[in-house]
Amino acid sequence: MTSLTQERRETLQEMINIGFGRSMSSLADLLGVHIELSVPDVVAIRTEELLDYLVKVMDGVEDVSLVQQSFLGEFFGEAVLAMPGLAGRELVVMLGEDSGFQPALEMGQLEMEALLEVGNVVIGACLGQFAELLQTNLSFHPPTVLMENIHSAYLQDVLRSRPGDSLLIQTNFKVDLRAVTGYLLILMPTDCLEWLYREVDNFLERMLG
């Protein structure tokens, strides 16, 4: 199978950086805050190694919230926005303070609503821009939220249930003055990678031509 060469990796990083920048701009507008963004990292990884990777990058944090959203098109997969710690509660506070987000719900439900709202903005804007650069379109399934201990058996089943290889695109953002950090993971099965690499090559040719 065609491999993830260094040139393709760097091109994907630039493309995702554009998409993630757009999503962070939308999120900053929603929350009324400044957001710091890291340069994305792109790796090919076995899905059974994903949980170990997440444990490592979250550096000892026990609780994690995941917003999962499947996407379909000429390439398909699942986007996962992972936020460690009490991100949901911090987002409830920010949405309440800055956006009038004050539905009459219990805290657990409020956290779920806040995470869904933020996940929709980040995943939709990032992948939408990425698809646009590839000159294709995506459709999205409704997102779901999972709040679990990172070592729970259920979370292990969820993250390790996809066989084969995935392309993991990891970046993180930090909301200014708030204890919210996030990681966006874009998981695609092996049979999508050949198409994606070819389209990345085509994108690079258009840019250089």
N, C-alpha and C. Protein backbone atom coordinates (compact mmCIF):
# COMPACT_ATOMS: atom_id res chain seq x y z
N MET A 1 0.83 -1.20 0.00
CA MET A 1 0.00 0.00 0.00
C MET A 1 0.87 1.26 0.00
N THR A 2 0.39 2.30 -0.65
CA THR A 2 1.10 3.57 -0.66
C THR A 2 1.28 4.07 0.76
N SER A 3 2.46 4.60 1.05
CA SER A 3 2.79 4.97 2.43
C SER A 3 2.59 6.46 2.68
N LEU A 4 2.60 6.81 3.95
CA LEU A 4 2.55 8.20 4.36
C LEU A 4 3.97 8.75 4.33
N THR A 5 4.35 9.29 3.17
CA THR A 5 5.69 9.84 3.01
C THR A 5 5.81 11.15 3.80
N GLN A 6 7.04 11.60 3.97
CA GLN A 6 7.25 12.85 4.68
C GLN A 6 6.59 14.03 3.95
N GLU A 7 6.64 14.02 2.62
CA GLU A 7 6.02 15.10 1.84
C GLU A 7 4.51 15.11 2.04
N ARG A 8 3.90 13.93 2.01
CA ARG A 8 2.46 13.85 2.23
C ARG A 8 2.11 14.26 3.66
N ARG A 9 2.91 13.83 4.59
CA ARG A 9 2.66 14.18 5.99
C ARG A 9 2.68 15.69 6.19
N GLU A 10 3.68 16.35 5.62
CA GLU A 10 3.79 17.81 5.76
C GLU A 10 2.63 18.52 5.06
N THR A 11 2.22 17.99 3.90
CA THR A 11 1.10 18.59 3.18
C THR A 11 -0.19 18.44 3.98
N LEU A 12 -0.42 17.25 4.54
CA LEU A 12 -1.59 17.03 5.38
C LEU A 12 -1.58 17.94 6.60
N GLN A 13 -0.42 18.13 7.19
CA GLN A 13 -0.32 19.03 8.34
C GLN A 13 -0.76 20.44 7.97
N GLU A 14 -0.32 20.92 6.81
CA GLU A 14 -0.70 22.26 6.37
C GLU A 14 -2.19 22.36 6.10
N MET A 15 -2.76 21.32 5.45
CA MET A 15 -4.18 21.33 5.12
C MET A 15 -5.03 21.30 6.39
N ILE A 16 -4.68 20.42 7.32
CA ILE A 16 -5.42 20.33 8.57
C ILE A 16 -5.25 21.60 9.39
N ASN A 17 -4.09 22.21 9.32
CA ASN A 17 -3.85 23.45 10.04
C ASN A 17 -4.81 24.54 9.57
N ILE A 18 -5.05 24.58 8.25
CA ILE A 18 -6.01 25.55 7.70
C ILE A 18 -7.41 25.25 8.23
N GLY A 19 -7.80 23.97 8.17
CA GLY A 19 -9.12 23.59 8.64
C GLY A 19 -9.31 23.81 10.12
N PHE A 20 -8.29 23.49 10.89
CA PHE A 20 -8.40 23.64 12.34
C PHE A 20 -8.39 25.12 12.71
N GLY A 21 -7.64 25.93 11.95
CA GLY A 21 -7.67 27.37 12.20
C GLY A 21 -9.06 27.95 12.02
N ARG A 22 -9.75 27.46 11.00
CA ARG A 22 -11.12 27.92 10.75
C ARG A 22 -12.04 27.49 11.90
N SER A 23 -11.87 26.25 12.36
CA SER A 23 -12.73 25.77 13.44
C SER A 23 -12.46 26.53 14.74
N MET A 24 -11.20 26.87 15.00
CA MET A 24 -10.88 27.60 16.21
C MET A 24 -11.41 29.03 16.16
N SER A 25 -11.42 29.61 14.97
CA SER A 25 -11.98 30.94 14.82
C SER A 25 -13.48 30.92 15.13
N SER A 26 -14.16 29.87 14.64
CA SER A 26 -15.59 29.74 14.92
C SER A 26 -15.83 29.51 16.40
N LEU A 27 -14.98 28.69 17.03
CA LEU A 27 -15.13 28.41 18.46
C LEU A 27 -14.84 29.65 19.30
N ALA A 28 -13.83 30.42 18.91
CA ALA A 28 -13.51 31.65 19.63
C ALA A 28 -14.67 32.63 19.56
N ASP A 29 -15.32 32.71 18.38
CA ASP A 29 -16.49 33.58 18.24
C ASP A 29 -17.63 33.10 19.14
N LEU A 30 -17.82 31.77 19.21
CA LEU A 30 -18.89 31.21 20.03
C LEU A 30 -18.67 31.51 21.51
N LEU A 31 -17.43 31.34 21.97
CA LEU A 31 -17.13 31.49 23.39
C LEU A 31 -16.70 32.90 23.78
N GLY A 32 -16.35 33.72 22.80
CA GLY A 32 -15.89 35.06 23.09
C GLY A 32 -14.54 35.10 23.79
N VAL A 33 -13.61 34.21 23.38
CA VAL A 33 -12.31 34.10 24.04
C VAL A 33 -11.21 33.99 22.99
N HIS A 34 -9.96 34.07 23.46
CA HIS A 34 -8.80 33.82 22.62
C HIS A 34 -8.42 32.35 22.75
N ILE A 35 -8.05 31.71 21.64
CA ILE A 35 -7.69 30.30 21.66
C ILE A 35 -6.30 30.11 21.06
N GLU A 36 -5.45 29.41 21.80
CA GLU A 36 -4.11 29.06 21.31
C GLU A 36 -4.17 27.70 20.62
N LEU A 37 -3.49 27.58 19.50
CA LEU A 37 -3.57 26.39 18.67
C LEU A 37 -2.18 25.86 18.36
N SER A 38 -1.99 24.55 18.49
CA SER A 38 -0.71 23.95 18.15
C SER A 38 -0.69 23.49 16.70
N VAL A 39 0.51 23.34 16.15
CA VAL A 39 0.65 22.79 14.80
C VAL A 39 0.25 21.32 14.84
N PRO A 40 -0.60 20.86 13.92
CA PRO A 40 -1.06 19.47 13.98
C PRO A 40 0.05 18.48 13.68
N ASP A 41 -0.09 17.30 14.26
CA ASP A 41 0.83 16.20 14.00
C ASP A 41 0.04 15.09 13.31
N VAL A 42 0.62 14.47 12.30
CA VAL A 42 -0.06 13.43 11.53
C VAL A 42 0.75 12.14 11.62
N VAL A 43 0.09 11.07 12.07
CA VAL A 43 0.76 9.78 12.16
C VAL A 43 -0.18 8.69 11.68
N ALA A 44 0.40 7.63 11.12
CA ALA A 44 -0.36 6.41 10.83
C ALA A 44 -0.23 5.50 12.03
N ILE A 45 -1.35 5.00 12.53
CA ILE A 45 -1.33 4.25 13.79
C ILE A 45 -2.33 3.10 13.72
N ARG A 46 -2.01 2.01 14.39
CA ARG A 46 -2.96 0.92 14.53
C ARG A 46 -4.03 1.34 15.53
N THR A 47 -5.29 1.05 15.23
CA THR A 47 -6.35 1.52 16.12
C THR A 47 -6.27 0.91 17.51
N GLU A 48 -5.71 -0.29 17.62
CA GLU A 48 -5.59 -0.88 18.95
C GLU A 48 -4.56 -0.15 19.82
N GLU A 49 -3.74 0.72 19.19
CA GLU A 49 -2.76 1.50 19.94
C GLU A 49 -3.29 2.88 20.33
N LEU A 50 -4.53 3.19 19.90
CA LEU A 50 -5.05 4.54 20.06
C LEU A 50 -5.22 4.93 21.52
N LEU A 51 -5.77 4.03 22.34
CA LEU A 51 -5.99 4.38 23.74
C LEU A 51 -4.67 4.65 24.45
N ASP A 52 -3.66 3.83 24.19
CA ASP A 52 -2.35 4.06 24.81
C ASP A 52 -1.80 5.42 24.40
N TYR A 53 -2.01 5.80 23.14
CA TYR A 53 -1.56 7.11 22.64
C TYR A 53 -2.28 8.22 23.40
N LEU A 54 -3.59 8.07 23.58
CA LEU A 54 -4.38 9.09 24.25
C LEU A 54 -3.96 9.23 25.71
N VAL A 55 -3.73 8.10 26.38
CA VAL A 55 -3.26 8.13 27.77
C VAL A 55 -1.94 8.90 27.86
N LYS A 56 -1.06 8.67 26.90
CA LYS A 56 0.25 9.33 26.92
C LYS A 56 0.13 10.83 26.74
N VAL A 57 -0.64 11.29 25.72
CA VAL A 57 -0.70 12.73 25.45
C VAL A 57 -1.48 13.47 26.53
N MET A 58 -2.38 12.77 27.23
CA MET A 58 -3.14 13.44 28.29
C MET A 58 -2.39 13.45 29.61
N ASP A 59 -1.26 12.79 29.67
CA ASP A 59 -0.28 12.95 30.74
C ASP A 59 -0.88 12.79 32.14
N GLY A 60 -1.50 11.62 32.38
CA GLY A 60 -1.94 11.30 33.73
C GLY A 60 -3.34 11.72 34.09
N VAL A 61 -4.04 12.45 33.21
CA VAL A 61 -5.42 12.85 33.49
C VAL A 61 -6.32 11.61 33.43
N GLU A 62 -7.18 11.45 34.45
CA GLU A 62 -8.00 10.24 34.54
C GLU A 62 -9.31 10.35 33.77
N ASP A 63 -9.98 11.49 33.85
CA ASP A 63 -11.29 11.65 33.21
C ASP A 63 -11.15 12.30 31.84
N VAL A 64 -11.97 11.85 30.91
CA VAL A 64 -11.90 12.39 29.56
C VAL A 64 -13.30 12.45 28.97
N SER A 65 -13.55 13.47 28.18
CA SER A 65 -14.81 13.60 27.44
C SER A 65 -14.50 13.49 25.97
N LEU A 66 -15.25 12.65 25.28
CA LEU A 66 -15.07 12.45 23.85
C LEU A 66 -16.33 12.86 23.11
N VAL A 67 -16.16 13.69 22.09
CA VAL A 67 -17.25 13.96 21.14
C VAL A 67 -16.89 13.20 19.87
N GLN A 68 -17.72 12.23 19.51
CA GLN A 68 -17.45 11.38 18.35
C GLN A 68 -18.44 11.71 17.24
N GLN A 69 -17.93 11.86 16.02
CA GLN A 69 -18.82 12.15 14.89
C GLN A 69 -18.31 11.45 13.64
N SER A 70 -19.13 10.59 13.06
CA SER A 70 -18.77 9.90 11.83
C SER A 70 -19.01 10.81 10.64
N PHE A 71 -18.19 10.67 9.60
CA PHE A 71 -18.36 11.45 8.38
C PHE A 71 -18.25 10.51 7.18
N LEU A 72 -18.97 10.88 6.11
CA LEU A 72 -19.04 10.05 4.91
C LEU A 72 -18.81 10.90 3.67
N GLY A 73 -18.19 10.31 2.68
CA GLY A 73 -17.93 10.95 1.40
C GLY A 73 -17.00 10.09 0.59
N GLU A 74 -16.19 10.70 -0.25
CA GLU A 74 -15.20 9.93 -0.99
C GLU A 74 -14.15 9.34 -0.05
N PHE A 75 -13.97 9.96 1.09
CA PHE A 75 -13.24 9.32 2.19
C PHE A 75 -14.14 9.38 3.41
N PHE A 76 -13.96 8.48 4.34
CA PHE A 76 -14.88 8.39 5.47
C PHE A 76 -14.13 7.95 6.71
N GLY A 77 -14.77 8.13 7.83
CA GLY A 77 -14.15 7.74 9.09
C GLY A 77 -14.88 8.37 10.25
N GLU A 78 -14.13 8.65 11.30
CA GLU A 78 -14.71 9.21 12.51
C GLU A 78 -13.77 10.26 13.09
N ALA A 79 -14.35 11.39 13.44
CA ALA A 79 -13.60 12.43 14.13
C ALA A 79 -13.92 12.34 15.62
N VAL A 80 -12.88 12.47 16.43
CA VAL A 80 -13.05 12.41 17.89
C VAL A 80 -12.39 13.65 18.50
N LEU A 81 -13.17 14.46 19.16
CA LEU A 81 -12.64 15.59 19.91
C LEU A 81 -12.52 15.15 21.36
N ALA A 82 -11.30 15.00 21.84
CA ALA A 82 -11.05 14.51 23.20
C ALA A 82 -10.62 15.67 24.09
N MET A 83 -11.31 15.82 25.23
CA MET A 83 -11.00 16.89 26.16
C MET A 83 -10.84 16.31 27.56
N PRO A 84 -9.66 16.42 28.14
CA PRO A 84 -9.42 15.83 29.46
C PRO A 84 -9.95 16.68 30.60
N GLY A 85 -10.08 16.04 31.76
CA GLY A 85 -10.42 16.78 32.97
C GLY A 85 -11.87 17.26 32.99
N LEU A 86 -12.10 18.41 33.60
CA LEU A 86 -13.44 18.96 33.77
C LEU A 86 -13.78 19.94 32.65
N ALA A 87 -13.43 19.58 31.41
CA ALA A 87 -13.65 20.47 30.27
C ALA A 87 -15.12 20.82 30.11
N GLY A 88 -16.00 19.82 30.30
CA GLY A 88 -17.42 20.07 30.13
C GLY A 88 -17.93 21.15 31.06
N ARG A 89 -17.50 21.13 32.31
CA ARG A 89 -17.96 22.14 33.27
C ARG A 89 -17.41 23.52 32.93
N GLU A 90 -16.16 23.57 32.50
CA GLU A 90 -15.59 24.86 32.10
C GLU A 90 -16.34 25.42 30.90
N LEU A 91 -16.69 24.55 29.95
CA LEU A 91 -17.43 25.00 28.77
C LEU A 91 -18.83 25.50 29.14
N VAL A 92 -19.46 24.83 30.10
CA VAL A 92 -20.77 25.30 30.57
C VAL A 92 -20.67 26.72 31.11
N VAL A 93 -19.63 26.98 31.90
CA VAL A 93 -19.42 28.32 32.46
C VAL A 93 -19.21 29.34 31.35
N MET A 94 -18.35 29.00 30.37
CA MET A 94 -18.06 29.94 29.29
C MET A 94 -19.27 30.19 28.42
N LEU A 95 -20.01 29.13 28.08
CA LEU A 95 -21.19 29.31 27.25
C LEU A 95 -22.26 30.09 27.99
N GLY A 96 -22.35 29.87 29.30
CA GLY A 96 -23.33 30.61 30.09
C GLY A 96 -22.97 32.08 30.19
N GLU A 97 -21.68 32.37 30.40
CA GLU A 97 -21.22 33.75 30.58
C GLU A 97 -21.26 34.53 29.27
N ASP A 98 -20.81 33.88 28.19
CA ASP A 98 -20.56 34.62 26.96
C ASP A 98 -21.62 34.46 25.89
N SER A 99 -22.45 33.41 26.01
CA SER A 99 -23.38 33.13 24.91
C SER A 99 -24.82 33.00 25.36
N GLY A 100 -25.10 33.30 26.63
CA GLY A 100 -26.45 33.14 27.10
C GLY A 100 -26.91 31.69 27.11
N PHE A 101 -25.98 30.75 27.24
CA PHE A 101 -26.29 29.32 27.20
C PHE A 101 -26.68 28.87 28.59
N GLN A 102 -27.99 28.96 28.91
CA GLN A 102 -28.44 28.64 30.27
C GLN A 102 -29.74 27.83 30.23
N PRO A 103 -29.74 26.67 29.57
CA PRO A 103 -30.95 25.85 29.58
C PRO A 103 -31.18 25.25 30.97
N ALA A 104 -32.45 24.93 31.25
CA ALA A 104 -32.82 24.42 32.57
C ALA A 104 -32.53 22.92 32.65
N LEU A 105 -31.25 22.56 32.79
CA LEU A 105 -30.84 21.17 32.85
C LEU A 105 -29.94 20.93 34.05
N GLU A 106 -29.82 19.67 34.49
CA GLU A 106 -28.86 19.32 35.51
C GLU A 106 -27.44 19.46 34.97
N MET A 107 -26.45 19.53 35.87
CA MET A 107 -25.07 19.78 35.44
C MET A 107 -24.59 18.72 34.44
N GLY A 108 -24.86 17.44 34.69
CA GLY A 108 -24.41 16.41 33.77
C GLY A 108 -24.97 16.60 32.37
N GLN A 109 -26.26 16.98 32.30
CA GLN A 109 -26.88 17.24 31.00
C GLN A 109 -26.31 18.51 30.37
N LEU A 110 -26.07 19.52 31.20
CA LEU A 110 -25.47 20.76 30.70
C LEU A 110 -24.10 20.49 30.08
N GLU A 111 -23.30 19.67 30.75
CA GLU A 111 -21.98 19.33 30.23
C GLU A 111 -22.10 18.64 28.87
N MET A 112 -23.04 17.71 28.76
CA MET A 112 -23.24 16.99 27.50
C MET A 112 -23.63 17.98 26.39
N GLU A 113 -24.55 18.90 26.70
CA GLU A 113 -24.98 19.88 25.70
C GLU A 113 -23.84 20.79 25.28
N ALA A 114 -23.04 21.23 26.26
CA ALA A 114 -21.91 22.11 25.95
C ALA A 114 -20.87 21.40 25.08
N LEU A 115 -20.57 20.14 25.43
CA LEU A 115 -19.60 19.36 24.66
C LEU A 115 -20.10 19.12 23.24
N LEU A 116 -21.39 18.83 23.09
CA LEU A 116 -21.96 18.64 21.75
C LEU A 116 -21.86 19.92 20.93
N GLU A 117 -22.17 21.05 21.56
CA GLU A 117 -22.12 22.33 20.86
C GLU A 117 -20.71 22.63 20.36
N VAL A 118 -19.73 22.47 21.24
CA VAL A 118 -18.34 22.74 20.88
C VAL A 118 -17.83 21.71 19.87
N GLY A 119 -18.18 20.44 20.08
CA GLY A 119 -17.76 19.41 19.14
C GLY A 119 -18.28 19.65 17.74
N ASN A 120 -19.54 20.06 17.63
CA ASN A 120 -20.13 20.37 16.34
C ASN A 120 -19.35 21.46 15.62
N VAL A 121 -19.02 22.51 16.35
CA VAL A 121 -18.30 23.64 15.76
C VAL A 121 -16.90 23.22 15.30
N VAL A 122 -16.16 22.56 16.19
CA VAL A 122 -14.76 22.21 15.88
C VAL A 122 -14.68 21.17 14.76
N ILE A 123 -15.42 20.08 14.88
CA ILE A 123 -15.33 19.01 13.89
C ILE A 123 -15.89 19.45 12.55
N GLY A 124 -17.06 20.10 12.57
CA GLY A 124 -17.68 20.51 11.31
C GLY A 124 -16.85 21.50 10.53
N ALA A 125 -16.34 22.54 11.20
CA ALA A 125 -15.55 23.55 10.51
C ALA A 125 -14.22 23.00 10.01
N CYS A 126 -13.56 22.18 10.84
CA CYS A 126 -12.25 21.65 10.46
C CYS A 126 -12.36 20.70 9.28
N LEU A 127 -13.25 19.71 9.36
CA LEU A 127 -13.36 18.75 8.28
C LEU A 127 -14.01 19.34 7.04
N GLY A 128 -14.90 20.31 7.24
CA GLY A 128 -15.49 20.98 6.10
C GLY A 128 -14.44 21.70 5.26
N GLN A 129 -13.53 22.42 5.94
CA GLN A 129 -12.46 23.11 5.23
C GLN A 129 -11.49 22.12 4.60
N PHE A 130 -11.18 21.04 5.29
CA PHE A 130 -10.29 20.01 4.76
C PHE A 130 -10.87 19.39 3.49
N ALA A 131 -12.16 19.06 3.51
CA ALA A 131 -12.82 18.50 2.33
C ALA A 131 -12.82 19.49 1.18
N GLU A 132 -13.01 20.76 1.49
CA GLU A 132 -13.01 21.79 0.45
C GLU A 132 -11.65 21.87 -0.23
N LEU A 133 -10.58 21.78 0.53
CA LEU A 133 -9.24 21.80 -0.05
C LEU A 133 -9.00 20.58 -0.94
N LEU A 134 -9.64 19.45 -0.61
CA LEU A 134 -9.52 18.24 -1.41
C LEU A 134 -10.52 18.21 -2.57
N GLN A 135 -11.33 19.28 -2.67
CA GLN A 135 -12.34 19.41 -3.73
C GLN A 135 -13.36 18.27 -3.68
N THR A 136 -13.85 18.01 -2.48
CA THR A 136 -14.87 16.99 -2.30
C THR A 136 -15.84 17.46 -1.22
N ASN A 137 -16.85 16.65 -0.94
CA ASN A 137 -17.85 17.00 0.05
C ASN A 137 -18.00 15.89 1.08
N LEU A 138 -18.40 16.26 2.28
CA LEU A 138 -18.65 15.29 3.35
C LEU A 138 -20.04 15.50 3.92
N SER A 139 -20.64 14.42 4.38
CA SER A 139 -21.84 14.50 5.19
C SER A 139 -21.52 13.93 6.57
N PHE A 140 -22.27 14.36 7.57
CA PHE A 140 -21.96 14.00 8.96
C PHE A 140 -23.14 13.32 9.62
N HIS A 141 -22.85 12.30 10.42
CA HIS A 141 -23.84 11.72 11.31
C HIS A 141 -23.93 12.59 12.56
N PRO A 142 -25.03 12.54 13.30
CA PRO A 142 -25.11 13.30 14.54
C PRO A 142 -24.00 12.89 15.51
N PRO A 143 -23.41 13.84 16.22
CA PRO A 143 -22.34 13.51 17.17
C PRO A 143 -22.88 12.86 18.43
N THR A 144 -22.02 12.14 19.11
CA THR A 144 -22.35 11.56 20.41
C THR A 144 -21.27 11.97 21.41
N VAL A 145 -21.63 11.99 22.68
CA VAL A 145 -20.70 12.38 23.75
C VAL A 145 -20.50 11.22 24.70
N LEU A 146 -19.26 11.01 25.09
CA LEU A 146 -18.92 9.97 26.06
C LEU A 146 -18.03 10.59 27.12
N MET A 147 -18.44 10.51 28.38
CA MET A 147 -17.64 11.00 29.51
C MET A 147 -17.26 9.81 30.37
N GLU A 148 -15.98 9.47 30.41
CA GLU A 148 -15.54 8.24 31.05
C GLU A 148 -14.18 8.43 31.73
N ASN A 149 -13.86 7.50 32.63
CA ASN A 149 -12.48 7.37 33.09
C ASN A 149 -11.66 6.79 31.95
N ILE A 150 -10.49 7.33 31.72
CA ILE A 150 -9.71 6.93 30.55
C ILE A 150 -9.28 5.47 30.59
N HIS A 151 -9.32 4.85 31.78
CA HIS A 151 -8.93 3.45 31.89
C HIS A 151 -10.13 2.51 31.95
N SER A 152 -11.34 3.03 31.76
CA SER A 152 -12.52 2.19 31.88
C SER A 152 -12.58 1.15 30.75
N ALA A 153 -13.16 0.00 31.08
CA ALA A 153 -13.28 -1.08 30.09
C ALA A 153 -14.14 -0.64 28.91
N TYR A 154 -15.18 0.16 29.20
CA TYR A 154 -16.07 0.61 28.13
C TYR A 154 -15.33 1.50 27.13
N LEU A 155 -14.53 2.43 27.65
CA LEU A 155 -13.78 3.32 26.76
C LEU A 155 -12.76 2.52 25.94
N GLN A 156 -12.15 1.54 26.55
CA GLN A 156 -11.22 0.69 25.80
C GLN A 156 -11.93 -0.03 24.66
N ASP A 157 -13.14 -0.52 24.93
CA ASP A 157 -13.90 -1.19 23.87
C ASP A 157 -14.24 -0.22 22.74
N VAL A 158 -14.64 1.00 23.09
CA VAL A 158 -15.02 1.99 22.08
C VAL A 158 -13.84 2.34 21.19
N LEU A 159 -12.68 2.61 21.80
CA LEU A 159 -11.53 3.08 21.04
C LEU A 159 -10.77 1.97 20.33
N ARG A 160 -10.94 0.74 20.78
CA ARG A 160 -10.18 -0.36 20.17
C ARG A 160 -11.05 -1.26 19.29
N SER A 161 -12.25 -0.80 18.98
CA SER A 161 -13.19 -1.64 18.24
C SER A 161 -13.01 -1.57 16.73
N ARG A 162 -12.14 -0.69 16.24
CA ARG A 162 -11.96 -0.53 14.79
C ARG A 162 -10.69 -1.27 14.36
N PRO A 163 -10.82 -2.32 13.55
CA PRO A 163 -9.63 -3.07 13.14
C PRO A 163 -8.80 -2.31 12.10
N GLY A 164 -7.53 -2.68 11.98
CA GLY A 164 -6.69 -2.13 10.91
C GLY A 164 -5.95 -0.87 11.32
N ASP A 165 -5.60 -0.08 10.30
CA ASP A 165 -4.81 1.14 10.50
C ASP A 165 -5.70 2.37 10.42
N SER A 166 -5.27 3.44 11.06
CA SER A 166 -5.95 4.72 10.96
C SER A 166 -4.92 5.82 10.78
N LEU A 167 -5.37 6.88 10.16
CA LEU A 167 -4.56 8.08 10.07
C LEU A 167 -4.99 8.99 11.21
N LEU A 168 -4.09 9.25 12.12
CA LEU A 168 -4.41 10.02 13.30
C LEU A 168 -3.84 11.43 13.14
N ILE A 169 -4.73 12.39 13.15
CA ILE A 169 -4.33 13.79 13.01
C ILE A 169 -4.62 14.46 14.34
N GLN A 170 -3.57 14.73 15.08
CA GLN A 170 -3.72 15.21 16.45
C GLN A 170 -3.22 16.65 16.57
N THR A 171 -4.05 17.49 17.12
CA THR A 171 -3.63 18.83 17.46
C THR A 171 -4.28 19.17 18.80
N ASN A 172 -3.90 20.25 19.38
CA ASN A 172 -4.54 20.63 20.64
C ASN A 172 -4.75 22.13 20.69
N PHE A 173 -5.74 22.51 21.46
CA PHE A 173 -6.04 23.93 21.61
C PHE A 173 -6.23 24.24 23.08
N LYS A 174 -5.93 25.45 23.44
CA LYS A 174 -6.12 25.87 24.83
C LYS A 174 -6.90 27.18 24.83
N VAL A 175 -7.99 27.17 25.57
CA VAL A 175 -8.82 28.36 25.69
C VAL A 175 -8.20 29.28 26.72
N ASP A 176 -7.95 30.51 26.33
CA ASP A 176 -7.25 31.47 27.17
C ASP A 176 -7.92 31.64 28.53
N LEU A 177 -7.10 31.53 29.59
CA LEU A 177 -7.52 31.74 30.98
C LEU A 177 -8.47 30.66 31.50
N ARG A 178 -8.65 29.58 30.74
CA ARG A 178 -9.53 28.50 31.19
C ARG A 178 -8.80 27.16 31.09
N ALA A 179 -9.15 26.25 31.95
CA ALA A 179 -8.49 24.94 31.99
C ALA A 179 -9.14 23.98 30.99
N VAL A 180 -9.11 24.37 29.72
CA VAL A 180 -9.68 23.53 28.67
C VAL A 180 -8.62 23.27 27.61
N THR A 181 -8.28 22.02 27.43
CA THR A 181 -7.37 21.62 26.37
C THR A 181 -8.05 20.52 25.58
N GLY A 182 -7.88 20.51 24.27
CA GLY A 182 -8.54 19.50 23.45
C GLY A 182 -7.62 18.91 22.41
N TYR A 183 -7.95 17.70 21.99
CA TYR A 183 -7.21 16.99 20.95
C TYR A 183 -8.20 16.50 19.91
N LEU A 184 -7.95 16.83 18.65
CA LEU A 184 -8.82 16.37 17.58
C LEU A 184 -8.15 15.20 16.88
N LEU A 185 -8.81 14.05 16.87
CA LEU A 185 -8.31 12.84 16.24
C LEU A 185 -9.21 12.51 15.07
N ILE A 186 -8.64 12.32 13.89
CA ILE A 186 -9.41 11.95 12.72
C ILE A 186 -8.99 10.55 12.32
N LEU A 187 -9.90 9.60 12.48
CA LEU A 187 -9.59 8.19 12.28
C LEU A 187 -10.19 7.72 10.96
N MET A 188 -9.35 7.16 10.12
CA MET A 188 -9.81 6.65 8.84
C MET A 188 -9.30 5.25 8.63
N PRO A 189 -10.12 4.34 8.13
CA PRO A 189 -9.69 2.96 7.92
C PRO A 189 -8.70 2.84 6.77
N THR A 190 -8.06 1.70 6.72
CA THR A 190 -7.00 1.47 5.74
C THR A 190 -7.46 1.70 4.31
N ASP A 191 -8.67 1.27 3.97
CA ASP A 191 -9.11 1.35 2.58
C ASP A 191 -9.41 2.78 2.12
N CYS A 192 -9.40 3.75 3.04
CA CYS A 192 -9.55 5.15 2.64
C CYS A 192 -8.21 5.82 2.36
N LEU A 193 -7.14 5.26 2.89
CA LEU A 193 -5.86 5.96 2.84
C LEU A 193 -5.31 6.09 1.42
N GLU A 194 -5.51 5.06 0.60
CA GLU A 194 -5.00 5.12 -0.77
C GLU A 194 -5.62 6.30 -1.52
N TRP A 195 -6.94 6.45 -1.40
CA TRP A 195 -7.61 7.57 -2.04
C TRP A 195 -7.10 8.90 -1.47
N LEU A 196 -6.98 8.97 -0.17
CA LEU A 196 -6.57 10.22 0.46
C LEU A 196 -5.17 10.63 0.03
N TYR A 197 -4.24 9.69 0.02
CA TYR A 197 -2.87 10.01 -0.37
C TYR A 197 -2.82 10.50 -1.82
N ARG A 198 -3.61 9.87 -2.69
CA ARG A 198 -3.64 10.31 -4.09
C ARG A 198 -4.16 11.74 -4.20
N GLU A 199 -5.20 12.05 -3.44
CA GLU A 199 -5.76 13.40 -3.49
C GLU A 199 -4.82 14.43 -2.86
N VAL A 200 -4.08 14.03 -1.86
CA VAL A 200 -3.08 14.93 -1.28
C VAL A 200 -1.99 15.22 -2.31
N ASP A 201 -1.57 14.19 -3.05
CA ASP A 201 -0.60 14.40 -4.13
C ASP A 201 -1.15 15.38 -5.17
N ASN A 202 -2.42 15.22 -5.53
CA ASN A 202 -3.04 16.11 -6.50
C ASN A 202 -3.10 17.54 -5.98
N PHE A 203 -3.43 17.69 -4.69
CA PHE A 203 -3.47 19.02 -4.08
C PHE A 203 -2.10 19.67 -4.14
N LEU A 204 -1.05 18.90 -3.83
CA LEU A 204 0.31 19.44 -3.86
C LEU A 204 0.72 19.85 -5.27
N GLU A 205 0.33 19.06 -6.26
CA GLU A 205 0.63 19.41 -7.65
C GLU A 205 -0.07 20.72 -8.05
N ARG A 206 -1.32 20.89 -7.62
CA ARG A 206 -2.04 22.13 -7.93
C ARG A 206 -1.36 23.33 -7.29
N MET A 207 -0.88 23.17 -6.07
CA MET A 207 -0.23 24.27 -5.37
C MET A 207 1.10 24.65 -6.00
N LEU A 208 1.84 23.62 -6.46
CA LEU A 208 3.16 23.86 -7.05
C LEU A 208 3.09 24.23 -8.53
N GLY A 209 1.95 23.88 -9.16
CA GLY A 209 1.82 24.12 -10.60
C GLY A 209 1.31 25.50 -10.90
